[in-house]
């Protein structure tokens, strides 16, 4: 009997306020600690990307969000995982770093100066375009 495992999806949220994007500084693992990312996490088995992102941002940031369109392309990760980013809109709460060292808001012109986790760097052109377009 063969069992096929579903691919593991890691979701990330691009939360924008005006012309600024929320980025989160990782606390762990040691090789990524201190680097910045879009907050998010792994989808549980049977959980949609959208459900996972809502849950993860509630846990990590203490906020409620709605999930919009995907940002950029899927990013392949080790161990057969896939990273996807989505535009999210804050519905309720105040962002608080429950699972990160720090949070900060950055504009389109500041994106390149952020010390990003490697997996998120490919989205920089998409994120800059999104911030410059002013689309909510």
N, C-alpha and C. Protein backbone atom coordinates (compact mmCIF):
# COMPACT_ATOMS: atom_id res chain seq x y z
N UNK A 1 0.84 -1.19 0.00
CA UNK A 1 0.00 0.00 0.00
C UNK A 1 0.88 1.24 0.00
N UNK A 2 0.62 2.15 -0.89
CA UNK A 2 1.39 3.39 -0.93
C UNK A 2 0.53 4.52 -0.39
N UNK A 3 1.17 5.40 0.30
CA UNK A 3 0.45 6.58 0.80
C UNK A 3 1.13 7.80 0.24
N UNK A 4 0.32 8.64 -0.33
CA UNK A 4 0.85 9.90 -0.84
C UNK A 4 0.56 10.97 0.19
N UNK A 5 1.58 11.71 0.53
CA UNK A 5 1.38 12.79 1.48
C UNK A 5 1.10 14.07 0.72
N UNK A 6 0.22 14.87 1.27
CA UNK A 6 -0.06 16.16 0.66
C UNK A 6 1.15 17.05 0.83
N UNK A 7 1.44 17.86 -0.18
CA UNK A 7 2.56 18.78 -0.02
C UNK A 7 2.28 19.75 1.13
N UNK A 8 3.32 20.09 1.85
CA UNK A 8 3.18 21.03 2.96
C UNK A 8 3.27 22.44 2.40
N UNK A 9 2.28 23.25 2.72
CA UNK A 9 2.26 24.63 2.27
C UNK A 9 2.54 25.54 3.46
N UNK A 10 3.43 26.48 3.27
CA UNK A 10 3.72 27.51 4.26
C UNK A 10 3.18 28.81 3.68
N UNK A 11 2.36 29.50 4.46
CA UNK A 11 1.73 30.72 3.97
C UNK A 11 2.31 31.94 4.68
N UNK A 12 2.35 33.05 3.95
CA UNK A 12 2.88 34.30 4.48
C UNK A 12 1.91 35.42 4.13
N UNK A 13 1.76 36.37 5.05
CA UNK A 13 0.82 37.45 4.84
C UNK A 13 1.48 38.78 4.57
N UNK A 14 1.09 39.42 3.48
CA UNK A 14 1.55 40.76 3.14
C UNK A 14 0.50 41.75 3.65
N UNK A 15 0.71 42.24 4.87
CA UNK A 15 -0.21 43.17 5.52
C UNK A 15 0.26 44.59 5.23
N UNK A 16 -0.60 45.36 4.57
CA UNK A 16 -0.24 46.72 4.16
C UNK A 16 -1.13 47.71 4.89
N UNK A 17 -0.51 48.79 5.34
CA UNK A 17 -1.23 49.90 5.94
C UNK A 17 -0.79 51.16 5.20
N UNK A 18 -1.67 51.68 4.36
CA UNK A 18 -1.30 52.83 3.54
C UNK A 18 -0.25 52.43 2.53
N UNK A 19 0.94 53.00 2.66
CA UNK A 19 2.03 52.66 1.74
C UNK A 19 3.14 51.90 2.45
N UNK A 20 2.81 51.21 3.55
CA UNK A 20 3.82 50.47 4.32
C UNK A 20 3.41 49.01 4.49
N UNK A 21 4.40 48.14 4.49
CA UNK A 21 4.24 46.70 4.63
C UNK A 21 4.77 46.27 5.99
N UNK A 22 4.03 45.41 6.68
CA UNK A 22 4.48 44.88 7.96
C UNK A 22 5.47 43.74 7.72
N UNK A 23 6.64 43.84 8.35
CA UNK A 23 7.63 42.76 8.31
C UNK A 23 7.93 42.35 9.74
N UNK A 24 8.29 41.08 9.90
CA UNK A 24 8.51 40.50 11.22
C UNK A 24 9.92 39.91 11.30
N UNK A 25 10.60 40.17 12.41
CA UNK A 25 11.96 39.66 12.62
C UNK A 25 11.88 38.30 13.32
N UNK A 26 12.48 37.31 12.70
CA UNK A 26 12.45 35.95 13.24
C UNK A 26 13.24 35.84 14.53
N UNK A 27 12.73 35.03 15.44
CA UNK A 27 13.43 34.73 16.69
C UNK A 27 14.14 33.38 16.60
N UNK A 28 13.68 32.52 15.70
CA UNK A 28 14.24 31.18 15.55
C UNK A 28 13.92 30.66 14.16
N UNK A 29 14.54 29.60 13.71
CA UNK A 29 15.67 28.86 14.26
C UNK A 29 16.94 29.69 14.19
N UNK A 30 18.00 29.21 14.83
CA UNK A 30 19.23 30.02 14.91
C UNK A 30 19.74 30.53 13.56
N UNK A 31 19.62 29.71 12.50
CA UNK A 31 20.15 30.14 11.20
C UNK A 31 19.32 31.24 10.56
N UNK A 32 18.09 31.47 11.04
CA UNK A 32 17.25 32.53 10.49
C UNK A 32 16.96 33.63 11.51
N UNK A 33 17.35 33.43 12.75
CA UNK A 33 17.07 34.42 13.80
C UNK A 33 17.70 35.77 13.42
N UNK A 34 16.92 36.82 13.58
CA UNK A 34 17.38 38.17 13.25
C UNK A 34 17.02 38.62 11.85
N UNK A 35 16.65 37.68 10.98
CA UNK A 35 16.26 38.04 9.62
C UNK A 35 14.77 38.39 9.61
N UNK A 36 14.36 39.09 8.57
CA UNK A 36 12.98 39.60 8.47
C UNK A 36 12.20 38.80 7.45
N UNK A 37 10.88 38.72 7.67
CA UNK A 37 10.01 37.93 6.80
C UNK A 37 8.60 38.51 6.81
N UNK A 38 7.79 38.00 5.89
CA UNK A 38 6.36 38.20 5.99
C UNK A 38 5.88 37.17 7.00
N UNK A 39 5.07 37.56 7.98
CA UNK A 39 4.64 36.60 9.00
C UNK A 39 3.69 35.55 8.43
N UNK A 40 3.69 34.38 9.05
CA UNK A 40 2.82 33.29 8.63
C UNK A 40 3.31 31.98 9.19
N UNK A 41 2.95 30.89 8.55
CA UNK A 41 3.36 29.57 9.04
C UNK A 41 2.75 28.46 8.22
N UNK A 42 2.92 27.23 8.70
CA UNK A 42 2.49 26.03 7.97
C UNK A 42 0.98 25.83 8.08
N UNK A 43 0.42 25.40 6.95
CA UNK A 43 -0.98 24.97 6.94
C UNK A 43 -1.06 23.58 7.56
N UNK A 44 -2.06 23.37 8.39
CA UNK A 44 -2.31 22.05 8.98
C UNK A 44 -2.96 21.16 7.93
N UNK A 45 -2.84 19.84 8.08
CA UNK A 45 -3.50 18.93 7.13
C UNK A 45 -5.00 19.26 7.02
N UNK A 46 -5.48 19.38 5.78
CA UNK A 46 -6.87 19.66 5.54
C UNK A 46 -7.25 21.14 5.64
N UNK A 47 -6.30 21.99 5.99
CA UNK A 47 -6.55 23.42 6.14
C UNK A 47 -6.21 24.13 4.83
N UNK A 48 -7.07 25.02 4.38
CA UNK A 48 -6.78 25.78 3.16
C UNK A 48 -5.69 26.81 3.47
N UNK A 49 -5.09 27.34 2.42
CA UNK A 49 -4.10 28.41 2.60
C UNK A 49 -4.71 29.57 3.37
N UNK A 50 -5.92 29.93 3.00
CA UNK A 50 -6.58 31.08 3.63
C UNK A 50 -6.87 30.82 5.11
N UNK A 51 -7.37 29.63 5.43
CA UNK A 51 -7.64 29.28 6.83
C UNK A 51 -6.34 29.30 7.64
N UNK A 52 -5.29 28.74 7.06
CA UNK A 52 -4.00 28.70 7.76
C UNK A 52 -3.47 30.09 8.03
N UNK A 53 -3.58 30.97 7.04
CA UNK A 53 -3.04 32.31 7.20
C UNK A 53 -3.82 33.10 8.25
N UNK A 54 -5.13 32.97 8.25
CA UNK A 54 -5.94 33.63 9.28
C UNK A 54 -5.52 33.13 10.66
N UNK A 55 -5.39 31.81 10.81
CA UNK A 55 -5.00 31.23 12.10
C UNK A 55 -3.59 31.67 12.51
N UNK A 56 -2.65 31.58 11.59
CA UNK A 56 -1.26 31.93 11.90
C UNK A 56 -1.12 33.38 12.31
N UNK A 57 -1.78 34.29 11.61
CA UNK A 57 -1.64 35.71 11.96
C UNK A 57 -2.36 36.04 13.26
N UNK A 58 -3.41 35.29 13.58
CA UNK A 58 -4.06 35.45 14.88
C UNK A 58 -3.07 35.03 15.98
N UNK A 59 -2.41 33.88 15.78
CA UNK A 59 -1.46 33.36 16.77
C UNK A 59 -0.21 34.23 16.88
N UNK A 60 0.36 34.61 15.74
CA UNK A 60 1.64 35.33 15.74
C UNK A 60 1.52 36.81 16.02
N UNK A 61 0.42 37.42 15.58
CA UNK A 61 0.30 38.88 15.67
C UNK A 61 -0.87 39.35 16.51
N UNK A 62 -1.79 38.46 16.86
CA UNK A 62 -2.96 38.84 17.63
C UNK A 62 -3.97 39.66 16.85
N UNK A 63 -4.05 39.43 15.54
CA UNK A 63 -4.97 40.20 14.69
C UNK A 63 -5.87 39.27 13.90
N UNK A 64 -6.99 39.83 13.46
CA UNK A 64 -7.89 39.14 12.55
C UNK A 64 -7.70 39.77 11.17
N UNK A 65 -7.60 38.91 10.15
CA UNK A 65 -7.39 39.40 8.79
C UNK A 65 -8.33 38.69 7.83
N UNK A 66 -8.50 39.31 6.67
CA UNK A 66 -9.10 38.62 5.53
C UNK A 66 -7.98 38.42 4.52
N UNK A 67 -8.07 37.35 3.77
CA UNK A 67 -7.01 36.98 2.84
C UNK A 67 -7.45 37.30 1.42
N UNK A 68 -6.58 38.00 0.71
CA UNK A 68 -6.84 38.38 -0.67
C UNK A 68 -6.05 37.55 -1.66
N UNK A 69 -5.60 38.22 -2.70
CA UNK A 69 -4.91 37.56 -3.81
C UNK A 69 -3.50 37.14 -3.44
N UNK A 70 -3.02 36.13 -4.17
CA UNK A 70 -1.65 35.67 -3.99
C UNK A 70 -0.69 36.74 -4.49
N UNK A 71 0.43 36.87 -3.81
CA UNK A 71 1.49 37.82 -4.18
C UNK A 71 2.64 37.01 -4.78
N UNK A 72 2.99 37.29 -6.02
CA UNK A 72 4.13 36.61 -6.64
C UNK A 72 3.88 35.12 -6.86
N UNK A 73 4.97 34.43 -7.07
CA UNK A 73 4.93 33.00 -7.38
C UNK A 73 5.18 32.16 -6.14
N UNK A 74 4.82 30.88 -6.21
CA UNK A 74 5.18 29.93 -5.17
C UNK A 74 6.70 29.84 -5.08
N UNK A 75 7.20 29.63 -3.86
CA UNK A 75 8.63 29.48 -3.63
C UNK A 75 8.88 28.06 -3.09
N UNK A 76 9.66 27.24 -3.81
CA UNK A 76 9.95 25.91 -3.30
C UNK A 76 10.88 25.98 -2.10
N UNK A 77 10.56 25.20 -1.08
CA UNK A 77 11.37 25.12 0.14
C UNK A 77 11.88 23.68 0.29
N UNK A 78 12.89 23.48 1.15
CA UNK A 78 13.36 22.11 1.40
C UNK A 78 12.25 21.22 1.96
N UNK A 79 12.46 19.94 1.93
CA UNK A 79 11.55 18.93 2.48
C UNK A 79 10.17 18.99 1.83
N UNK A 80 10.15 19.21 0.51
CA UNK A 80 8.89 19.20 -0.26
C UNK A 80 7.85 20.19 0.24
N UNK A 81 8.30 21.33 0.72
CA UNK A 81 7.36 22.37 1.16
C UNK A 81 7.31 23.47 0.10
N UNK A 82 6.19 24.19 0.10
CA UNK A 82 5.99 25.31 -0.81
C UNK A 82 5.58 26.52 0.01
N UNK A 83 6.18 27.67 -0.28
CA UNK A 83 5.87 28.92 0.39
C UNK A 83 5.03 29.78 -0.55
N UNK A 84 3.90 30.30 -0.01
CA UNK A 84 3.01 31.18 -0.78
C UNK A 84 2.71 32.42 0.05
N UNK A 85 2.69 33.55 -0.63
CA UNK A 85 2.32 34.81 0.05
C UNK A 85 0.99 35.31 -0.49
N UNK A 86 0.23 35.91 0.41
CA UNK A 86 -1.07 36.49 0.06
C UNK A 86 -1.17 37.88 0.65
N UNK A 87 -1.87 38.73 -0.07
CA UNK A 87 -2.22 40.05 0.46
C UNK A 87 -3.26 39.84 1.56
N UNK A 88 -3.08 40.44 2.72
CA UNK A 88 -4.07 40.33 3.79
C UNK A 88 -4.49 41.72 4.22
N UNK A 89 -5.73 41.81 4.70
CA UNK A 89 -6.28 43.07 5.17
C UNK A 89 -6.62 42.93 6.65
N UNK A 90 -6.18 43.87 7.44
CA UNK A 90 -6.46 43.88 8.87
C UNK A 90 -7.94 44.16 9.09
N UNK A 91 -8.60 43.30 9.88
CA UNK A 91 -10.00 43.46 10.19
C UNK A 91 -10.17 43.93 11.64
N UNK A 92 -9.37 43.37 12.55
CA UNK A 92 -9.48 43.73 13.96
C UNK A 92 -8.16 43.43 14.67
N UNK A 93 -7.91 44.19 15.73
CA UNK A 93 -6.73 43.96 16.56
C UNK A 93 -5.60 44.92 16.25
N UNK A 94 -4.59 44.86 17.10
CA UNK A 94 -3.38 45.65 16.94
C UNK A 94 -2.21 44.69 16.83
N UNK A 95 -1.39 44.85 15.80
CA UNK A 95 -0.28 43.91 15.60
C UNK A 95 0.66 43.94 16.81
N UNK A 96 0.96 42.75 17.30
CA UNK A 96 1.83 42.56 18.46
C UNK A 96 2.72 41.36 18.17
N UNK A 97 4.02 41.46 18.43
CA UNK A 97 4.94 40.36 18.10
C UNK A 97 4.90 39.21 19.12
N UNK A 98 3.91 38.33 19.00
CA UNK A 98 3.81 37.19 19.91
C UNK A 98 4.86 36.13 19.62
N UNK A 99 5.30 36.02 18.38
CA UNK A 99 6.21 34.94 17.99
C UNK A 99 7.46 35.46 17.28
N UNK A 100 7.68 36.75 17.29
CA UNK A 100 8.82 37.36 16.60
C UNK A 100 9.57 38.28 17.56
N UNK A 101 10.82 38.55 17.22
CA UNK A 101 11.61 39.51 18.02
C UNK A 101 11.04 40.92 17.93
N UNK A 102 10.63 41.29 16.72
CA UNK A 102 10.18 42.66 16.48
C UNK A 102 9.32 42.71 15.23
N UNK A 103 8.57 43.79 15.12
CA UNK A 103 7.78 44.09 13.93
C UNK A 103 8.14 45.49 13.49
N UNK A 104 8.05 45.74 12.19
CA UNK A 104 8.22 47.12 11.70
C UNK A 104 7.50 47.28 10.37
N UNK A 105 7.20 48.53 10.07
CA UNK A 105 6.54 48.87 8.81
C UNK A 105 7.59 49.45 7.87
N UNK A 106 7.61 48.98 6.63
CA UNK A 106 8.57 49.47 5.65
C UNK A 106 7.85 49.89 4.37
N UNK A 107 8.40 50.91 3.72
CA UNK A 107 7.86 51.37 2.45
C UNK A 107 8.55 50.69 1.28
N UNK A 108 8.04 50.94 0.10
CA UNK A 108 8.59 50.32 -1.12
C UNK A 108 10.08 50.61 -1.29
N UNK A 109 10.50 51.84 -0.99
CA UNK A 109 11.90 52.20 -1.16
C UNK A 109 12.81 51.57 -0.11
N UNK A 110 12.24 51.03 0.96
CA UNK A 110 13.04 50.42 2.04
C UNK A 110 13.16 48.91 1.92
N UNK A 111 12.39 48.29 1.04
CA UNK A 111 12.36 46.84 0.96
C UNK A 111 13.74 46.23 0.72
N UNK A 112 14.51 46.82 -0.17
CA UNK A 112 15.82 46.26 -0.52
C UNK A 112 16.82 46.34 0.63
N UNK A 113 16.60 47.25 1.57
CA UNK A 113 17.55 47.38 2.68
C UNK A 113 17.22 46.47 3.87
N UNK A 114 16.10 45.75 3.78
CA UNK A 114 15.72 44.82 4.85
C UNK A 114 16.54 43.54 4.69
N UNK A 115 17.00 42.98 5.81
CA UNK A 115 17.76 41.73 5.81
C UNK A 115 16.77 40.56 5.83
N UNK A 116 16.27 40.21 4.64
CA UNK A 116 15.20 39.23 4.47
C UNK A 116 15.68 37.79 4.64
N UNK A 117 14.77 36.91 5.07
CA UNK A 117 15.03 35.48 4.97
C UNK A 117 15.13 35.18 3.47
N UNK A 118 16.01 34.26 3.07
CA UNK A 118 16.21 34.02 1.64
C UNK A 118 14.94 33.71 0.87
N UNK A 119 14.02 32.93 1.44
CA UNK A 119 12.83 32.52 0.70
C UNK A 119 11.92 33.69 0.32
N UNK A 120 11.92 34.76 1.09
CA UNK A 120 11.02 35.89 0.82
C UNK A 120 11.59 36.90 -0.18
N UNK A 121 12.88 36.83 -0.47
CA UNK A 121 13.52 37.84 -1.32
C UNK A 121 12.95 37.90 -2.73
N UNK A 122 12.50 36.78 -3.26
CA UNK A 122 11.98 36.75 -4.62
C UNK A 122 10.72 37.58 -4.80
N UNK A 123 10.03 37.86 -3.71
CA UNK A 123 8.79 38.63 -3.80
C UNK A 123 9.02 40.14 -3.77
N UNK A 124 10.24 40.59 -3.58
CA UNK A 124 10.47 42.03 -3.42
C UNK A 124 9.92 42.86 -4.58
N UNK A 125 10.11 42.47 -5.84
CA UNK A 125 9.51 43.27 -6.92
C UNK A 125 7.98 43.32 -6.83
N UNK A 126 7.36 42.20 -6.49
CA UNK A 126 5.90 42.16 -6.36
C UNK A 126 5.43 43.03 -5.21
N UNK A 127 6.13 42.95 -4.08
CA UNK A 127 5.76 43.75 -2.91
C UNK A 127 5.93 45.24 -3.18
N UNK A 128 7.04 45.61 -3.84
CA UNK A 128 7.27 47.03 -4.16
C UNK A 128 6.18 47.55 -5.09
N UNK A 129 5.83 46.76 -6.11
CA UNK A 129 4.77 47.18 -7.03
C UNK A 129 3.44 47.33 -6.31
N UNK A 130 3.16 46.40 -5.40
CA UNK A 130 1.91 46.47 -4.64
C UNK A 130 1.86 47.72 -3.79
N UNK A 131 2.97 48.05 -3.13
CA UNK A 131 3.00 49.25 -2.28
C UNK A 131 2.92 50.52 -3.11
N UNK A 132 3.57 50.54 -4.25
CA UNK A 132 3.55 51.75 -5.08
C UNK A 132 2.22 51.96 -5.78
N UNK A 133 1.47 50.88 -6.01
CA UNK A 133 0.20 51.01 -6.73
C UNK A 133 -0.88 51.65 -5.87
N UNK A 134 -0.72 51.54 -4.55
CA UNK A 134 -1.72 52.09 -3.65
C UNK A 134 -2.99 51.29 -3.58
N UNK A 135 -2.98 50.09 -4.18
CA UNK A 135 -4.18 49.24 -4.13
C UNK A 135 -4.31 48.61 -2.77
N UNK A 136 -5.51 48.66 -2.24
CA UNK A 136 -5.76 48.06 -0.92
C UNK A 136 -6.30 46.67 -1.08
